[in-house]
Amino acid sequence: MTPKTYTKLLVPINQIIHDLKDKLWFKMLQPMIGDTSKMDQTKYCAFYRGPRHVTNNCTTWMKYIEKLVNEGKCNQYVNRLAAQPRKEDAEGVDFPYNDALVISAQLAHVIVDKIMVDNSSSVDILQLSVVQKIGLENTIKRKAEVLSGFKGLTSITIDIITLDVTSPLIVSSQTFMIINDPSPHNEILSLPGLVKNGAVTSIEYQNIQFRILG
């Protein structure tokens, strides 16, 4: 019987297919055959290898990942810290909504607001204005590089910088790519940064929790 809910994972399921497709035991579907011209060409499924729907919405792929999880072949992607939502988590959240999860955190000695949590990103991003506020602009070398996103959007990075990020009972050094693009957010906190700090996010309930050992 197909489970009504699936195991909570640390990364988007479209990323997992790219990581596993070359494994000998991985069973990729055969490429689609026949006329696909009438399908939505703006949506591509990496599992079906053709226009159909986006990979993250593919229930066939979700079922196969669940099978791999049960076989112990996807343990590295399983969110062991994920907890069942509690009733009190929904307090103060107006449903339905389409808002990003935005938090505040301490970088170096400065509290930075408007940090967007992005579980689909693999790179931590910091606006140049924050570096200037911290007083470290003179430490960057302004070496421009192109940063490409999953949606084909590009930004020009100025440099990288490593700062201490403080979360409950944890201070960790994280490396940020510095950009100077118009944005409502001062920082983008990526999945690797969240995992490094033992953080578990809930976009649905607009909260972030940290694992505290003890």
C-alpha atoms as a PDB file:
ATOM      1  CA  MET A   1       0.000   0.000   0.000  1.00  0.00           C
ATOM      2  CA  THR A   2       1.349   3.418  -0.957  1.00  0.00           C
ATOM      3  CA  PRO A   3       2.025   5.552   2.145  1.00  0.00           C
ATOM      4  CA  LYS A   4      -0.091   8.681   2.452  1.00  0.00           C
ATOM      5  CA  THR A   5       2.962  10.567   3.657  1.00  0.00           C
ATOM      6  CA  TYR A   6       6.593  10.121   2.760  1.00  0.00           C
ATOM      7  CA  THR A   7       9.760  10.132   4.807  1.00  0.00           C
ATOM      8  CA  LYS A   8      10.999  13.653   5.484  1.00  0.00           C
ATOM      9  CA  LEU A   9      14.229  14.321   3.609  1.00  0.00           C
ATOM     10  CA  LEU A  10      17.038  16.835   3.983  1.00  0.00           C
ATOM     11  CA  VAL A  11      17.187  17.820   0.314  1.00  0.00           C
ATOM     12  CA  PRO A  12      14.700  18.353  -2.525  1.00  0.00           C
ATOM     13  CA  ILE A  13      13.905  15.102  -4.322  1.00  0.00           C
ATOM     14  CA  ASN A  14      15.063  16.469  -7.682  1.00  0.00           C
ATOM     15  CA  GLN A  15      18.573  16.728  -6.233  1.00  0.00           C
ATOM     16  CA  ILE A  16      18.554  13.094  -5.066  1.00  0.00           C
ATOM     17  CA  ILE A  17      17.973  11.751  -8.568  1.00  0.00           C
ATOM     18  CA  HIS A  18      21.102  13.513  -9.818  1.00  0.00           C
ATOM     19  CA  ASP A  19      23.113  12.026  -6.950  1.00  0.00           C
ATOM     20  CA  LEU A  20      21.892   8.448  -7.412  1.00  0.00           C
ATOM     21  CA  LYS A  21      21.378   8.022 -11.161  1.00  0.00           C
ATOM     22  CA  ASP A  22      24.832   6.481 -11.729  1.00  0.00           C
ATOM     23  CA  LYS A  23      24.522   3.869  -8.956  1.00  0.00           C
ATOM     24  CA  LEU A  24      24.473   0.297 -10.264  1.00  0.00           C
ATOM     25  CA  TRP A  25      21.343  -0.556  -8.284  1.00  0.00           C
ATOM     26  CA  PHE A  26      19.426   2.555  -9.359  1.00  0.00           C
ATOM     27  CA  LYS A  27      16.571   1.817 -11.770  1.00  0.00           C
ATOM     28  CA  MET A  28      15.909   4.832 -13.945  1.00  0.00           C
ATOM     29  CA  LEU A  29      12.761   4.762 -16.066  1.00  0.00           C
ATOM     30  CA  GLN A  30      13.186   4.317 -19.785  1.00  0.00           C
ATOM     31  CA  PRO A  31      13.037   7.571 -21.789  1.00  0.00           C
ATOM     32  CA  MET A  32       9.570   8.587 -22.865  1.00  0.00           C
ATOM     33  CA  ILE A  33       8.535   7.459 -26.343  1.00  0.00           C
ATOM     34  CA  GLY A  34       5.839   8.699 -28.660  1.00  0.00           C
ATOM     35  CA  ASP A  35       4.619  12.197 -29.394  1.00  0.00           C
ATOM     36  CA  THR A  36       5.240  14.483 -26.402  1.00  0.00           C
ATOM     37  CA  SER A  37       4.686  17.738 -28.291  1.00  0.00           C
ATOM     38  CA  LYS A  38       1.267  18.283 -26.674  1.00  0.00           C
ATOM     39  CA  MET A  39       2.694  18.013 -23.152  1.00  0.00           C
ATOM     40  CA  ASP A  40       3.691  21.072 -21.164  1.00  0.00           C
ATOM     41  CA  GLN A  41       7.218  21.699 -22.445  1.00  0.00           C
ATOM     42  CA  THR A  42       7.954  24.098 -19.574  1.00  0.00           C
ATOM     43  CA  LYS A  43       7.872  21.206 -17.080  1.00  0.00           C
ATOM     44  CA  TYR A  44      10.523  18.496 -17.088  1.00  0.00           C
ATOM     45  CA  CYS A  45      10.668  15.319 -15.018  1.00  0.00           C
ATOM     46  CA  ALA A  46      14.165  13.901 -14.581  1.00  0.00           C
ATOM     47  CA  PHE A  47      12.750  10.485 -13.600  1.00  0.00           C
ATOM     48  CA  TYR A  48      10.556  10.146 -16.698  1.00  0.00           C
ATOM     49  CA  ARG A  49      13.180  12.000 -18.735  1.00  0.00           C
ATOM     50  CA  GLY A  50      10.672  14.101 -20.579  1.00  0.00           C
ATOM     51  CA  PRO A  51       8.015  16.819 -20.345  1.00  0.00           C
ATOM     52  CA  ARG A  52       5.312  15.708 -17.985  1.00  0.00           C
ATOM     53  CA  HIS A  53       5.553  17.513 -14.646  1.00  0.00           C
ATOM     54  CA  VAL A  54       8.404  18.832 -12.516  1.00  0.00           C
ATOM     55  CA  THR A  55      10.512  16.209 -10.764  1.00  0.00           C
ATOM     56  CA  ASN A  56       9.564  17.428  -7.287  1.00  0.00           C
ATOM     57  CA  ASN A  57       5.891  16.653  -8.055  1.00  0.00           C
ATOM     58  CA  CYS A  58       6.495  13.171  -9.464  1.00  0.00           C
ATOM     59  CA  THR A  59       4.607  10.649  -7.308  1.00  0.00           C
ATOM     60  CA  THR A  60       6.297   7.737  -9.110  1.00  0.00           C
ATOM     61  CA  TRP A  61       9.675   9.113  -8.080  1.00  0.00           C
ATOM     62  CA  MET A  62       8.414   9.744  -4.521  1.00  0.00           C
ATOM     63  CA  LYS A  63       7.316   6.092  -4.239  1.00  0.00           C
ATOM     64  CA  TYR A  64      10.670   4.888  -5.552  1.00  0.00           C
ATOM     65  CA  ILE A  65      12.581   7.063  -3.071  1.00  0.00           C
ATOM     66  CA  GLU A  66      10.425   5.640  -0.257  1.00  0.00           C
ATOM     67  CA  LYS A  67      11.350   2.152  -1.437  1.00  0.00           C
ATOM     68  CA  LEU A  68      15.044   3.084  -1.424  1.00  0.00           C
ATOM     69  CA  VAL A  69      14.690   4.569   2.069  1.00  0.00           C
ATOM     70  CA  ASN A  70      13.148   1.312   3.319  1.00  0.00           C
ATOM     71  CA  GLU A  71      16.066  -0.572   1.756  1.00  0.00           C
ATOM     72  CA  GLY A  72      18.562   1.659   3.550  1.00  0.00           C
ATOM     73  CA  LYS A  73      19.959   3.138   0.329  1.00  0.00           C
ATOM     74  CA  CYS A  74      19.030   6.759   1.045  1.00  0.00           C
ATOM     75  CA  ASN A  75      19.950   7.071   4.712  1.00  0.00           C
ATOM     76  CA  GLN A  76      22.134  10.105   4.072  1.00  0.00           C
ATOM     77  CA  TYR A  77      19.093  12.060   2.889  1.00  0.00           C
ATOM     78  CA  VAL A  78      16.697  11.152   5.710  1.00  0.00           C
ATOM     79  CA  ASN A  79      15.904  13.980   8.108  1.00  0.00           C
ATOM     80  CA  ARG A  80      16.377  12.175  11.415  1.00  0.00           C
ATOM     81  CA  LEU A  81      15.664  15.367  13.352  1.00  0.00           C
ATOM     82  CA  ALA A  82      12.277  16.026  11.793  1.00  0.00           C
ATOM     83  CA  ALA A  83       9.458  16.040  14.317  1.00  0.00           C
ATOM     84  CA  GLN A  84       5.731  15.766  13.827  1.00  0.00           C
ATOM     85  CA  PRO A  85       4.092  19.198  13.717  1.00  0.00           C
ATOM     86  CA  ARG A  86       2.457  20.191  16.949  1.00  0.00           C
ATOM     87  CA  LYS A  87      -0.794  22.102  17.297  1.00  0.00           C
ATOM     88  CA  GLU A  88       1.015  24.988  18.994  1.00  0.00           C
ATOM     89  CA  ASP A  89       3.345  25.321  15.985  1.00  0.00           C
ATOM     90  CA  ALA A  90       0.422  26.675  13.964  1.00  0.00           C
ATOM     91  CA  GLU A  91      -0.296  29.500  16.418  1.00  0.00           C
ATOM     92  CA  GLY A  92       0.191  32.899  14.794  1.00  0.00           C
ATOM     93  CA  VAL A  93       0.281  31.451  11.259  1.00  0.00           C
ATOM     94  CA  ASP A  94      -2.505  32.573   8.936  1.00  0.00           C
ATOM     95  CA  PHE A  95      -3.355  29.764   6.510  1.00  0.00           C
ATOM     96  CA  PRO A  96      -3.176  29.627   3.552  1.00  0.00           C
ATOM     97  CA  TYR A  97      -0.065  31.669   2.766  1.00  0.00           C
ATOM     98  CA  ASN A  98       2.815  31.709   0.309  1.00  0.00           C
ATOM     99  CA  ASP A  99       5.558  33.298   2.393  1.00  0.00           C
ATOM    100  CA  ALA A 100       9.201  32.313   2.634  1.00  0.00           C
ATOM    101  CA  LEU A 101      10.702  31.416   6.021  1.00  0.00           C
ATOM    102  CA  VAL A 102      12.629  34.512   7.122  1.00  0.00           C
ATOM    103  CA  ILE A 103      14.670  34.660  10.348  1.00  0.00           C
ATOM    104  CA  SER A 104      17.247  36.745  12.218  1.00  0.00           C
ATOM    105  CA  ALA A 105      20.651  35.481  13.339  1.00  0.00           C
ATOM    106  CA  GLN A 106      23.960  36.714  14.693  1.00  0.00           C
ATOM    107  CA  LEU A 107      26.811  36.951  12.184  1.00  0.00           C
ATOM    108  CA  ALA A 108      30.148  37.824  13.778  1.00  0.00           C
ATOM    109  CA  HIS A 109      29.109  40.524  16.283  1.00  0.00           C
ATOM    110  CA  VAL A 110      26.035  41.820  14.395  1.00  0.00           C
ATOM    111  CA  ILE A 111      22.383  40.698  14.472  1.00  0.00           C
ATOM    112  CA  VAL A 112      21.233  40.368  10.862  1.00  0.00           C
ATOM    113  CA  ASP A 113      17.535  40.464   9.992  1.00  0.00           C
ATOM    114  CA  LYS A 114      15.753  39.346   6.817  1.00  0.00           C
ATOM    115  CA  ILE A 115      17.610  36.049   6.383  1.00  0.00           C
ATOM    116  CA  MET A 116      15.732  33.778   4.002  1.00  0.00           C
ATOM    117  CA  VAL A 117      15.954  30.042   4.696  1.00  0.00           C
ATOM    118  CA  ASP A 118      16.262  28.156   1.414  1.00  0.00           C
ATOM    119  CA  ASN A 119      16.364  24.352   1.696  1.00  0.00           C
ATOM    120  CA  SER A 120      16.894  24.037  -2.066  1.00  0.00           C
ATOM    121  CA  SER A 121      20.063  26.151  -2.131  1.00  0.00           C
ATOM    122  CA  SER A 122      23.544  24.685  -1.729  1.00  0.00           C
ATOM    123  CA  VAL A 123      25.339  28.025  -1.274  1.00  0.00           C
ATOM    124  CA  ASP A 124      25.117  30.577   1.550  1.00  0.00           C
ATOM    125  CA  ILE A 125      24.671  34.089   0.148  1.00  0.00           C
ATOM    126  CA  LEU A 126      25.400  37.400   1.883  1.00  0.00           C
ATOM    127  CA  GLN A 127      24.684  40.913   0.641  1.00  0.00           C
ATOM    128  CA  LEU A 128      27.624  43.334   0.406  1.00  0.00           C
ATOM    129  CA  SER A 129      25.710  45.816   2.588  1.00  0.00           C
ATOM    130  CA  VAL A 130      25.895  43.345   5.507  1.00  0.00           C
ATOM    131  CA  VAL A 131      29.653  42.979   5.102  1.00  0.00           C
ATOM    132  CA  GLN A 132      29.882  46.779   5.169  1.00  0.00           C
ATOM    133  CA  LYS A 133      27.741  46.928   8.313  1.00  0.00           C
ATOM    134  CA  ILE A 134      30.006  44.414  10.055  1.00  0.00           C
ATOM    135  CA  GLY A 135      32.993  46.550   9.060  1.00  0.00           C
ATOM    136  CA  LEU A 136      34.813  43.934   6.995  1.00  0.00           C
ATOM    137  CA  GLU A 137      34.541  45.426   3.500  1.00  0.00           C
ATOM    138  CA  ASN A 138      38.301  46.108   3.443  1.00  0.00           C
ATOM    139  CA  THR A 139      38.980  42.347   3.740  1.00  0.00           C
ATOM    140  CA  ILE A 140      37.335  41.358   0.449  1.00  0.00           C
ATOM    141  CA  LYS A 141      39.296  41.265  -2.801  1.00  0.00           C
ATOM    142  CA  ARG A 142      36.389  41.907  -5.218  1.00  0.00           C
ATOM    143  CA  LYS A 143      37.096  38.994  -7.556  1.00  0.00           C
ATOM    144  CA  ALA A 144      34.005  38.632  -9.737  1.00  0.00           C
ATOM    145  CA  GLU A 145      32.589  35.197 -10.526  1.00  0.00           C
ATOM    146  CA  VAL A 146      29.281  34.065 -12.026  1.00  0.00           C
ATOM    147  CA  LEU A 147      26.872  32.225  -9.716  1.00  0.00           C
ATOM    148  CA  SER A 148      24.126  30.268 -11.505  1.00  0.00           C
ATOM    149  CA  GLY A 149      20.864  29.240  -9.863  1.00  0.00           C
ATOM    150  CA  PHE A 150      18.612  26.224 -10.523  1.00  0.00           C
ATOM    151  CA  LYS A 151      16.153  28.395 -12.445  1.00  0.00           C
ATOM    152  CA  GLY A 152      18.816  29.706 -14.819  1.00  0.00           C
ATOM    153  CA  LEU A 153      19.189  33.037 -13.034  1.00  0.00           C
ATOM    154  CA  THR A 154      22.712  34.347 -12.560  1.00  0.00           C
ATOM    155  CA  SER A 155      24.408  36.700 -10.118  1.00  0.00           C
ATOM    156  CA  ILE A 156      27.904  38.100 -10.010  1.00  0.00           C
ATOM    157  CA  THR A 157      29.680  37.233  -6.769  1.00  0.00           C
ATOM    158  CA  ILE A 158      32.158  39.762  -5.437  1.00  0.00           C
ATOM    159  CA  ASP A 159      34.164  37.478  -3.147  1.00  0.00           C
ATOM    160  CA  ILE A 160      33.703  34.947  -0.349  1.00  0.00           C
ATOM    161  CA  ILE A 161      33.885  35.548   3.387  1.00  0.00           C
ATOM    162  CA  THR A 162      33.904  33.216   6.408  1.00  0.00           C
ATOM    163  CA  LEU A 163      32.015  34.383   9.486  1.00  0.00           C
ATOM    164  CA  ASP A 164      30.911  32.920  12.813  1.00  0.00           C
ATOM    165  CA  VAL A 165      27.190  32.178  12.837  1.00  0.00           C
ATOM    166  CA  THR A 166      25.595  31.931  16.275  1.00  0.00           C
ATOM    167  CA  SER A 167      22.545  29.747  16.878  1.00  0.00           C
ATOM    168  CA  PRO A 168      21.333  28.279  20.196  1.00  0.00           C
ATOM    169  CA  LEU A 169      24.405  26.841  21.981  1.00  0.00           C
ATOM    170  CA  ILE A 170      26.318  26.597  18.688  1.00  0.00           C
ATOM    171  CA  VAL A 171      28.872  28.882  17.057  1.00  0.00           C
ATOM    172  CA  SER A 172      29.977  27.643  13.642  1.00  0.00           C
ATOM    173  CA  SER A 173      32.158  29.126  10.924  1.00  0.00           C
ATOM    174  CA  GLN A 174      30.357  29.343   7.588  1.00  0.00           C
ATOM    175  CA  THR A 175      31.541  30.590   4.220  1.00  0.00           C
ATOM    176  CA  PHE A 176      29.311  33.005   2.304  1.00  0.00           C
ATOM    177  CA  MET A 177      29.387  34.184  -1.277  1.00  0.00           C
ATOM    178  CA  ILE A 178      29.064  37.963  -1.363  1.00  0.00           C
ATOM    179  CA  ILE A 179      26.750  39.586  -3.903  1.00  0.00           C
ATOM    180  CA  ASN A 180      25.473  43.108  -4.460  1.00  0.00           C
ATOM    181  CA  ASP A 181      22.146  42.394  -6.169  1.00  0.00           C
ATOM    182  CA  PRO A 182      18.814  44.077  -5.372  1.00  0.00           C
ATOM    183  CA  SER A 183      17.046  41.791  -2.893  1.00  0.00           C
ATOM    184  CA  PRO A 184      14.525  42.031  -0.035  1.00  0.00           C
ATOM    185  CA  HIS A 185      16.787  39.656   1.935  1.00  0.00           C
ATOM    186  CA  ASN A 186      20.165  40.323   3.520  1.00  0.00           C
ATOM    187  CA  GLU A 187      21.224  36.686   3.443  1.00  0.00           C
ATOM    188  CA  ILE A 188      20.214  33.292   2.068  1.00  0.00           C
ATOM    189  CA  LEU A 189      20.856  30.417   4.454  1.00  0.00           C
ATOM    190  CA  SER A 190      21.316  27.200   2.483  1.00  0.00           C
ATOM    191  CA  LEU A 191      20.759  23.539   3.305  1.00  0.00           C
ATOM    192  CA  PRO A 192      24.438  22.831   4.187  1.00  0.00           C
ATOM    193  CA  GLY A 193      24.368  25.760   6.618  1.00  0.00           C
ATOM    194  CA  LEU A 194      21.202  24.448   8.260  1.00  0.00           C
ATOM    195  CA  VAL A 195      22.593  20.926   8.616  1.00  0.00           C
ATOM    196  CA  LYS A 196      25.859  22.253  10.053  1.00  0.00           C
ATOM    197  CA  ASN A 197      23.926  24.036  12.805  1.00  0.00           C
ATOM    198  CA  GLY A 198      21.601  21.094  13.520  1.00  0.00           C
ATOM    199  CA  ALA A 199      18.591  23.071  12.331  1.00  0.00           C
ATOM    200  CA  VAL A 200      15.229  21.649  11.253  1.00  0.00           C
ATOM    201  CA  THR A 201      12.876  23.924   9.337  1.00  0.00           C
ATOM    202  CA  SER A 202       9.155  23.878   8.748  1.00  0.00           C
ATOM    203  CA  ILE A 203       8.087  26.135   5.902  1.00  0.00           C
ATOM    204  CA  GLU A 204       4.460  25.141   6.521  1.00  0.00           C
ATOM    205  CA  TYR A 205       4.558  26.230  10.166  1.00  0.00           C
ATOM    206  CA  GLN A 206       7.025  29.084   9.602  1.00  0.00           C
ATOM    207  CA  ASN A 207       9.515  28.000  12.264  1.00  0.00           C
ATOM    208  CA  ILE A 208      13.016  26.696  12.712  1.00  0.00           C
ATOM    209  CA  GLN A 209      14.209  24.390  15.498  1.00  0.00           C
ATOM    210  CA  PHE A 210      17.701  23.506  16.662  1.00  0.00           C
ATOM    211  CA  ARG A 211      18.960  20.251  18.100  1.00  0.00           C
ATOM    212  CA  ILE A 212      20.403  20.819  21.575  1.00  0.00           C
ATOM    213  CA  LEU A 213      22.529  17.957  22.851  1.00  0.00           C
ATOM    214  CA  GLY A 214      22.382  17.055  26.514  1.00  0.00           C
END
